[in-house]
Amino acid sequence: MKVDSKHQNKDILYSKSLEQLVDFAFDEKVAHVFPDIINRSVPGYVNIVAMTGTLAAEFYQSNTNGYDLGCSLGASSLAIK
């Protein structure tokens, strides 16, 4: 799965000073920009997802199960065709 940066929501949630500090919460606002957060925070994320699809195409066997552990977006599962 290739992440199209032109069509994803940009993370600017904490780009301005806050009047009051609050604990971080993974709420709807964060979920809305999470693809951008992952792309900027995980080195090589797009390449890792692409390689997962490539490796699966090479080694996956019919009638077996595959597990996407840590599937924050399910991108690796979507990369497997």
PDB file of N, CA and C in Angstrom:
ATOM      1  N   MET A   1       0.847  -1.180   0.000  1.00  0.00           N
ATOM      2  CA  MET A   1       0.000   0.000   0.000  1.00  0.00           C
ATOM      3  C   MET A   1       0.879   1.224   0.000  1.00  0.00           C
ATOM      4  N   LYS A   2       0.663   2.089  -0.936  1.00  0.00           N
ATOM      5  CA  LYS A   2       1.402   3.340  -0.963  1.00  0.00           C
ATOM      6  C   LYS A   2       0.540   4.411  -0.333  1.00  0.00           C
ATOM      7  N   VAL A   3       1.123   5.128   0.598  1.00  0.00           N
ATOM      8  CA  VAL A   3       0.378   6.187   1.274  1.00  0.00           C
ATOM      9  C   VAL A   3       0.470   7.436   0.426  1.00  0.00           C
ATOM     10  N   ASP A   4      -0.663   7.960   0.010  1.00  0.00           N
ATOM     11  CA  ASP A   4      -0.723   9.139  -0.836  1.00  0.00           C
ATOM     12  C   ASP A   4      -0.726  10.375   0.045  1.00  0.00           C
ATOM     13  N   SER A   5       0.428  11.017   0.165  1.00  0.00           N
ATOM     14  CA  SER A   5       0.559  12.158   1.074  1.00  0.00           C
ATOM     15  C   SER A   5      -0.284  13.348   0.630  1.00  0.00           C
ATOM     16  N   LYS A   6      -0.682  13.409  -0.640  1.00  0.00           N
ATOM     17  CA  LYS A   6      -1.505  14.523  -1.114  1.00  0.00           C
ATOM     18  C   LYS A   6      -2.918  14.451  -0.549  1.00  0.00           C
ATOM     19  N   HIS A   7      -3.366  13.227  -0.220  1.00  0.00           N
ATOM     20  CA  HIS A   7      -4.749  13.060   0.204  1.00  0.00           C
ATOM     21  C   HIS A   7      -4.908  12.670   1.668  1.00  0.00           C
ATOM     22  N   GLN A   8      -3.832  12.712   2.412  1.00  0.00           N
ATOM     23  CA  GLN A   8      -3.971  12.382   3.824  1.00  0.00           C
ATOM     24  C   GLN A   8      -4.023  13.675   4.635  1.00  0.00           C
ATOM     25  N   ASN A   9      -4.601  13.579   5.794  1.00  0.00           N
ATOM     26  CA  ASN A   9      -4.719  14.738   6.668  1.00  0.00           C
ATOM     27  C   ASN A   9      -3.404  14.977   7.384  1.00  0.00           C
ATOM     28  N   LYS A  10      -2.949  16.206   7.365  1.00  0.00           N
ATOM     29  CA  LYS A  10      -1.677  16.561   7.987  1.00  0.00           C
ATOM     30  C   LYS A  10      -1.862  16.762   9.491  1.00  0.00           C
ATOM     31  N   ASP A  11      -0.875  16.282  10.229  1.00  0.00           N
ATOM     32  CA  ASP A  11      -0.871  16.407  11.679  1.00  0.00           C
ATOM     33  C   ASP A  11      -0.327  17.782  12.070  1.00  0.00           C
ATOM     34  N   ILE A  12      -1.218  18.652  12.499  1.00  0.00           N
ATOM     35  CA  ILE A  12      -0.805  19.956  13.024  1.00  0.00           C
ATOM     36  C   ILE A  12      -1.410  20.176  14.412  1.00  0.00           C
ATOM     37  N   LEU A  13      -1.777  19.068  15.058  1.00  0.00           N
ATOM     38  CA  LEU A  13      -2.474  19.161  16.344  1.00  0.00           C
ATOM     39  C   LEU A  13      -1.691  19.915  17.401  1.00  0.00           C
ATOM     40  N   TYR A  14      -0.391  19.711  17.433  1.00  0.00           N
ATOM     41  CA  TYR A  14       0.421  20.330  18.485  1.00  0.00           C
ATOM     42  C   TYR A  14       1.409  21.341  17.906  1.00  0.00           C
ATOM     43  N   SER A  15       1.051  21.932  16.783  1.00  0.00           N
ATOM     44  CA  SER A  15       1.942  22.900  16.145  1.00  0.00           C
ATOM     45  C   SER A  15       1.871  24.276  16.798  1.00  0.00           C
ATOM     46  N   LYS A  16       0.876  24.509  17.608  1.00  0.00           N
ATOM     47  CA  LYS A  16       0.723  25.791  18.311  1.00  0.00           C
ATOM     48  C   LYS A  16       0.834  25.557  19.807  1.00  0.00           C
ATOM     49  N   SER A  17       1.230  26.579  20.515  1.00  0.00           N
ATOM     50  CA  SER A  17       1.326  26.488  21.972  1.00  0.00           C
ATOM     51  C   SER A  17      -0.054  26.248  22.572  1.00  0.00           C
ATOM     52  N   LEU A  18      -0.067  25.444  23.612  1.00  0.00           N
ATOM     53  CA  LEU A  18      -1.310  25.164  24.312  1.00  0.00           C
ATOM     54  C   LEU A  18      -1.428  26.078  25.520  1.00  0.00           C
ATOM     55  N   GLU A  19      -2.632  26.525  25.800  1.00  0.00           N
ATOM     56  CA  GLU A  19      -2.851  27.362  26.980  1.00  0.00           C
ATOM     57  C   GLU A  19      -2.653  26.562  28.252  1.00  0.00           C
ATOM     58  N   GLN A  20      -3.026  25.297  28.200  1.00  0.00           N
ATOM     59  CA  GLN A  20      -2.919  24.430  29.363  1.00  0.00           C
ATOM     60  C   GLN A  20      -2.412  23.064  28.906  1.00  0.00           C
ATOM     61  N   LEU A  21      -1.420  22.518  29.604  1.00  0.00           N
ATOM     62  CA  LEU A  21      -0.921  21.193  29.270  1.00  0.00           C
ATOM     63  C   LEU A  21      -1.920  20.133  29.716  1.00  0.00           C
ATOM     64  N   VAL A  22      -2.161  19.196  28.833  1.00  0.00           N
ATOM     65  CA  VAL A  22      -3.063  18.088  29.149  1.00  0.00           C
ATOM     66  C   VAL A  22      -2.362  16.798  28.767  1.00  0.00           C
ATOM     67  N   ASP A  23      -2.759  15.707  29.379  1.00  0.00           N
ATOM     68  CA  ASP A  23      -2.205  14.409  29.040  1.00  0.00           C
ATOM     69  C   ASP A  23      -2.589  14.060  27.605  1.00  0.00           C
ATOM     70  N   PHE A  24      -1.662  13.386  26.917  1.00  0.00           N
ATOM     71  CA  PHE A  24      -1.946  12.941  25.557  1.00  0.00           C
ATOM     72  C   PHE A  24      -3.066  11.911  25.590  1.00  0.00           C
ATOM     73  N   ALA A  25      -3.956  12.000  24.635  1.00  0.00           N
ATOM     74  CA  ALA A  25      -5.036  11.023  24.494  1.00  0.00           C
ATOM     75  C   ALA A  25      -5.157  10.661  23.022  1.00  0.00           C
ATOM     76  N   PHE A  26      -5.232   9.363  22.753  1.00  0.00           N
ATOM     77  CA  PHE A  26      -5.448   8.916  21.381  1.00  0.00           C
ATOM     78  C   PHE A  26      -6.941   9.025  21.108  1.00  0.00           C
ATOM     79  N   ASP A  27      -7.337  10.228  20.739  1.00  0.00           N
ATOM     80  CA  ASP A  27      -8.754  10.490  20.532  1.00  0.00           C
ATOM     81  C   ASP A  27      -9.070  10.588  19.036  1.00  0.00           C
ATOM     82  N   GLU A  28     -10.256  11.039  18.714  1.00  0.00           N
ATOM     83  CA  GLU A  28     -10.698  11.120  17.328  1.00  0.00           C
ATOM     84  C   GLU A  28      -9.825  12.069  16.504  1.00  0.00           C
ATOM     85  N   LYS A  29      -9.369  13.164  17.110  1.00  0.00           N
ATOM     86  CA  LYS A  29      -8.512  14.112  16.380  1.00  0.00           C
ATOM     87  C   LYS A  29      -7.183  13.462  15.996  1.00  0.00           C
ATOM     88  N   VAL A  30      -6.599  12.710  16.920  1.00  0.00           N
ATOM     89  CA  VAL A  30      -5.331  12.026  16.635  1.00  0.00           C
ATOM     90  C   VAL A  30      -5.560  10.927  15.606  1.00  0.00           C
ATOM     91  N   ALA A  31      -6.615  10.166  15.754  1.00  0.00           N
ATOM     92  CA  ALA A  31      -6.909   9.088  14.804  1.00  0.00           C
ATOM     93  C   ALA A  31      -7.065   9.633  13.387  1.00  0.00           C
ATOM     94  N   HIS A  32      -7.608  10.825  13.260  1.00  0.00           N
ATOM     95  CA  HIS A  32      -7.844  11.445  11.962  1.00  0.00           C
ATOM     96  C   HIS A  32      -6.535  11.727  11.218  1.00  0.00           C
ATOM     97  N   VAL A  33      -5.461  12.020  11.935  1.00  0.00           N
ATOM     98  CA  VAL A  33      -4.167  12.349  11.314  1.00  0.00           C
ATOM     99  C   VAL A  33      -3.125  11.252  11.531  1.00  0.00           C
ATOM    100  N   PHE A  34      -3.544  10.104  12.044  1.00  0.00           N
ATOM    101  CA  PHE A  34      -2.598   9.048  12.400  1.00  0.00           C
ATOM    102  C   PHE A  34      -1.740   8.559  11.233  1.00  0.00           C
ATOM    103  N   PRO A  35      -2.277   8.421  10.014  1.00  0.00           N
ATOM    104  CA  PRO A  35      -1.402   8.018   8.908  1.00  0.00           C
ATOM    105  C   PRO A  35      -0.209   8.966   8.721  1.00  0.00           C
ATOM    106  N   ASP A  36      -0.428  10.259   8.858  1.00  0.00           N
ATOM    107  CA  ASP A  36       0.665  11.233   8.750  1.00  0.00           C
ATOM    108  C   ASP A  36       1.652  11.056   9.899  1.00  0.00           C
ATOM    109  N   ILE A  37       1.148  10.819  11.090  1.00  0.00           N
ATOM    110  CA  ILE A  37       2.017  10.622  12.256  1.00  0.00           C
ATOM    111  C   ILE A  37       2.917   9.404  12.029  1.00  0.00           C
ATOM    112  N   ILE A  38       2.361   8.309  11.562  1.00  0.00           N
ATOM    113  CA  ILE A  38       3.147   7.097  11.324  1.00  0.00           C
ATOM    114  C   ILE A  38       4.208   7.350  10.254  1.00  0.00           C
ATOM    115  N   ASN A  39       3.815   7.970   9.159  1.00  0.00           N
ATOM    116  CA  ASN A  39       4.773   8.214   8.073  1.00  0.00           C
ATOM    117  C   ASN A  39       5.953   9.070   8.525  1.00  0.00           C
ATOM    118  N   ARG A  40       5.717   9.999   9.420  1.00  0.00           N
ATOM    119  CA  ARG A  40       6.798  10.858   9.897  1.00  0.00           C
ATOM    120  C   ARG A  40       7.568  10.243  11.058  1.00  0.00           C
ATOM    121  N   SER A  41       6.962   9.322  11.781  1.00  0.00           N
ATOM    122  CA  SER A  41       7.562   8.803  13.014  1.00  0.00           C
ATOM    123  C   SER A  41       8.290   7.469  12.863  1.00  0.00           C
ATOM    124  N   VAL A  42       7.913   6.680  11.896  1.00  0.00           N
ATOM    125  CA  VAL A  42       8.514   5.352  11.725  1.00  0.00           C
ATOM    126  C   VAL A  42       9.449   5.398  10.524  1.00  0.00           C
ATOM    127  N   PRO A  43      10.759   5.341  10.777  1.00  0.00           N
ATOM    128  CA  PRO A  43      11.711   5.378   9.655  1.00  0.00           C
ATOM    129  C   PRO A  43      11.459   4.242   8.670  1.00  0.00           C
ATOM    130  N   GLY A  44      11.336   4.573   7.397  1.00  0.00           N
ATOM    131  CA  GLY A  44      11.159   3.567   6.357  1.00  0.00           C
ATOM    132  C   GLY A  44       9.791   2.921   6.321  1.00  0.00           C
ATOM    133  N   TYR A  45       8.798   3.528   6.944  1.00  0.00           N
ATOM    134  CA  TYR A  45       7.471   2.910   7.059  1.00  0.00           C
ATOM    135  C   TYR A  45       6.913   2.471   5.705  1.00  0.00           C
ATOM    136  N   VAL A  46       6.927   3.352   4.725  1.00  0.00           N
ATOM    137  CA  VAL A  46       6.358   3.028   3.417  1.00  0.00           C
ATOM    138  C   VAL A  46       7.117   1.854   2.788  1.00  0.00           C
ATOM    139  N   ASN A  47       8.438   1.845   2.928  1.00  0.00           N
ATOM    140  CA  ASN A  47       9.234   0.745   2.380  1.00  0.00           C
ATOM    141  C   ASN A  47       8.968  -0.564   3.110  1.00  0.00           C
ATOM    142  N   ILE A  48       8.802  -0.507   4.415  1.00  0.00           N
ATOM    143  CA  ILE A  48       8.509  -1.708   5.200  1.00  0.00           C
ATOM    144  C   ILE A  48       7.183  -2.321   4.749  1.00  0.00           C
ATOM    145  N   VAL A  49       6.188  -1.487   4.570  1.00  0.00           N
ATOM    146  CA  VAL A  49       4.879  -1.978   4.132  1.00  0.00           C
ATOM    147  C   VAL A  49       4.992  -2.607   2.745  1.00  0.00           C
ATOM    148  N   ALA A  50       5.697  -1.947   1.842  1.00  0.00           N
ATOM    149  CA  ALA A  50       5.868  -2.483   0.489  1.00  0.00           C
ATOM    150  C   ALA A  50       6.610  -3.819   0.512  1.00  0.00           C
ATOM    151  N   MET A  51       7.648  -3.907   1.313  1.00  0.00           N
ATOM    152  CA  MET A  51       8.412  -5.157   1.398  1.00  0.00           C
ATOM    153  C   MET A  51       7.583  -6.278   2.013  1.00  0.00           C
ATOM    154  N   THR A  52       6.703  -5.952   2.924  1.00  0.00           N
ATOM    155  CA  THR A  52       5.820  -6.968   3.493  1.00  0.00           C
ATOM    156  C   THR A  52       4.984  -7.599   2.387  1.00  0.00           C
ATOM    157  N   GLY A  53       4.453  -6.764   1.494  1.00  0.00           N
ATOM    158  CA  GLY A  53       3.680  -7.285   0.364  1.00  0.00           C
ATOM    159  C   GLY A  53       4.530  -8.132  -0.560  1.00  0.00           C
ATOM    160  N   THR A  54       5.762  -7.697  -0.814  1.00  0.00           N
ATOM    161  CA  THR A  54       6.672  -8.438  -1.678  1.00  0.00           C
ATOM    162  C   THR A  54       7.022  -9.796  -1.070  1.00  0.00           C
ATOM    163  N   LEU A  55       7.364  -9.804   0.213  1.00  0.00           N
ATOM    164  CA  LEU A  55       7.711 -11.057   0.887  1.00  0.00           C
ATOM    165  C   LEU A  55       6.519 -12.005   0.966  1.00  0.00           C
ATOM    166  N   ALA A  56       5.346 -11.448   1.213  1.00  0.00           N
ATOM    167  CA  ALA A  56       4.150 -12.284   1.277  1.00  0.00           C
ATOM    168  C   ALA A  56       3.878 -12.932  -0.072  1.00  0.00           C
ATOM    169  N   ALA A  57       4.075 -12.174  -1.150  1.00  0.00           N
ATOM    170  CA  ALA A  57       3.854 -12.735  -2.482  1.00  0.00           C
ATOM    171  C   ALA A  57       4.804 -13.905  -2.745  1.00  0.00           C
ATOM    172  N   GLU A  58       5.988 -13.820  -2.181  1.00  0.00           N
ATOM    173  CA  GLU A  58       6.995 -14.867  -2.377  1.00  0.00           C
ATOM    174  C   GLU A  58       6.749 -16.092  -1.489  1.00  0.00           C
ATOM    175  N   PHE A  59       6.335 -15.873  -0.243  1.00  0.00           N
ATOM    176  CA  PHE A  59       6.319 -16.971   0.725  1.00  0.00           C
ATOM    177  C   PHE A  59       4.941 -17.418   1.209  1.00  0.00           C
ATOM    178  N   TYR A  60       3.909 -16.631   0.989  1.00  0.00           N
ATOM    179  CA  TYR A  60       2.580 -17.019   1.449  1.00  0.00           C
ATOM    180  C   TYR A  60       2.127 -18.297   0.752  1.00  0.00           C
ATOM    181  N   GLN A  61       1.495 -19.173   1.505  1.00  0.00           N
ATOM    182  CA  GLN A  61       0.981 -20.418   0.951  1.00  0.00           C
ATOM    183  C   GLN A  61      -0.536 -20.433   1.082  1.00  0.00           C
ATOM    184  N   SER A  62      -1.198 -20.924   0.068  1.00  0.00           N
ATOM    185  CA  SER A  62      -2.659 -21.001   0.085  1.00  0.00           C
ATOM    186  C   SER A  62      -3.143 -21.780   1.294  1.00  0.00           C
ATOM    187  N   ASN A  63      -4.311 -21.422   1.759  1.00  0.00           N
ATOM    188  CA  ASN A  63      -4.976 -22.085   2.881  1.00  0.00           C
ATOM    189  C   ASN A  63      -4.184 -21.981   4.184  1.00  0.00           C
ATOM    190  N   THR A  64      -3.433 -20.900   4.354  1.00  0.00           N
ATOM    191  CA  THR A  64      -2.741 -20.640   5.612  1.00  0.00           C
ATOM    192  C   THR A  64      -3.173 -19.268   6.121  1.00  0.00           C
ATOM    193  N   ASN A  65      -2.825 -18.970   7.329  1.00  0.00           N
ATOM    194  CA  ASN A  65      -3.181 -17.689   7.924  1.00  0.00           C
ATOM    195  C   ASN A  65      -1.964 -16.777   7.974  1.00  0.00           C
ATOM    196  N   GLY A  66      -2.214 -15.495   7.827  1.00  0.00           N
ATOM    197  CA  GLY A  66      -1.186 -14.480   8.021  1.00  0.00           C
ATOM    198  C   GLY A  66      -1.676 -13.520   9.087  1.00  0.00           C
ATOM    199  N   TYR A  67      -0.782 -13.029   9.903  1.00  0.00           N
ATOM    200  CA  TYR A  67      -1.162 -12.138  10.996  1.00  0.00           C
ATOM    201  C   TYR A  67      -0.413 -10.827  10.875  1.00  0.00           C
ATOM    202  N   ASP A  68      -1.120  -9.745  10.943  1.00  0.00           N
ATOM    203  CA  ASP A  68      -0.542  -8.405  10.895  1.00  0.00           C
ATOM    204  C   ASP A  68      -0.451  -7.914  12.333  1.00  0.00           C
ATOM    205  N   LEU A  69       0.641  -8.251  12.988  1.00  0.00           N
ATOM    206  CA  LEU A  69       0.818  -7.868  14.389  1.00  0.00           C
ATOM    207  C   LEU A  69       1.212  -6.395  14.461  1.00  0.00           C
ATOM    208  N   GLY A  70       0.567  -5.672  15.330  1.00  0.00           N
ATOM    209  CA  GLY A  70       0.839  -4.243  15.430  1.00  0.00           C
ATOM    210  C   GLY A  70       0.222  -3.482  14.270  1.00  0.00           C
ATOM    211  N   CYS A  71      -0.937  -3.914  13.845  1.00  0.00           N
ATOM    212  CA  CYS A  71      -1.556  -3.376  12.629  1.00  0.00           C
ATOM    213  C   CYS A  71      -2.286  -2.061  12.891  1.00  0.00           C
ATOM    214  N   SER A  72      -1.528  -1.011  13.115  1.00  0.00           N
ATOM    215  CA  SER A  72      -2.123   0.276  13.422  1.00  0.00           C
ATOM    216  C   SER A  72      -3.070   0.755  12.329  1.00  0.00           C
ATOM    217  N   LEU A  73      -2.697   0.547  11.080  1.00  0.00           N
ATOM    218  CA  LEU A  73      -3.558   0.946   9.967  1.00  0.00           C
ATOM    219  C   LEU A  73      -4.001  -0.236   9.115  1.00  0.00           C
ATOM    220  N   GLY A  74      -3.430  -1.404   9.369  1.00  0.00           N
ATOM    221  CA  GLY A  74      -3.709  -2.559   8.537  1.00  0.00           C
ATOM    222  C   GLY A  74      -3.032  -2.460   7.178  1.00  0.00           C
ATOM    223  N   ALA A  75      -2.053  -1.569   7.037  1.00  0.00           N
ATOM    224  CA  ALA A  75      -1.395  -1.330   5.755  1.00  0.00           C
ATOM    225  C   ALA A  75      -0.669  -2.578   5.255  1.00  0.00           C
ATOM    226  N   SER A  76      -0.030  -3.303   6.152  1.00  0.00           N
ATOM    227  CA  SER A  76       0.677  -4.524   5.723  1.00  0.00           C
ATOM    228  C   SER A  76      -0.316  -5.552   5.203  1.00  0.00           C
ATOM    229  N   SER A  77      -1.442  -5.680   5.854  1.00  0.00           N
ATOM    230  CA  SER A  77      -2.464  -6.614   5.382  1.00  0.00           C
ATOM    231  C   SER A  77      -2.964  -6.194   3.996  1.00  0.00           C
ATOM    232  N   LEU A  78      -3.134  -4.906   3.794  1.00  0.00           N
ATOM    233  CA  LEU A  78      -3.597  -4.423   2.496  1.00  0.00           C
ATOM    234  C   LEU A  78      -2.547  -4.582   1.412  1.00  0.00           C
ATOM    235  N   ALA A  79      -1.271  -4.607   1.802  1.00  0.00           N
ATOM    236  CA  ALA A  79      -0.180  -4.766   0.830  1.00  0.00           C
ATOM    237  C   ALA A  79      -0.056  -6.196   0.347  1.00  0.00           C
ATOM    238  N   ILE A  80      -0.664  -7.125   1.052  1.00  0.00           N
ATOM    239  CA  ILE A  80      -0.611  -8.537   0.677  1.00  0.00           C
ATOM    240  C   ILE A  80      -1.744  -8.809  -0.302  1.00  0.00           C
ATOM    241  N   LYS A  81      -1.393  -9.231  -1.476  1.00  0.00           N
ATOM    242  CA  LYS A  81      -2.415  -9.433  -2.532  1.00  0.00           C
ATOM    243  C   LYS A  81      -2.633 -10.909  -2.762  1.00  0.00           C
TER     244      LYS A  81
END
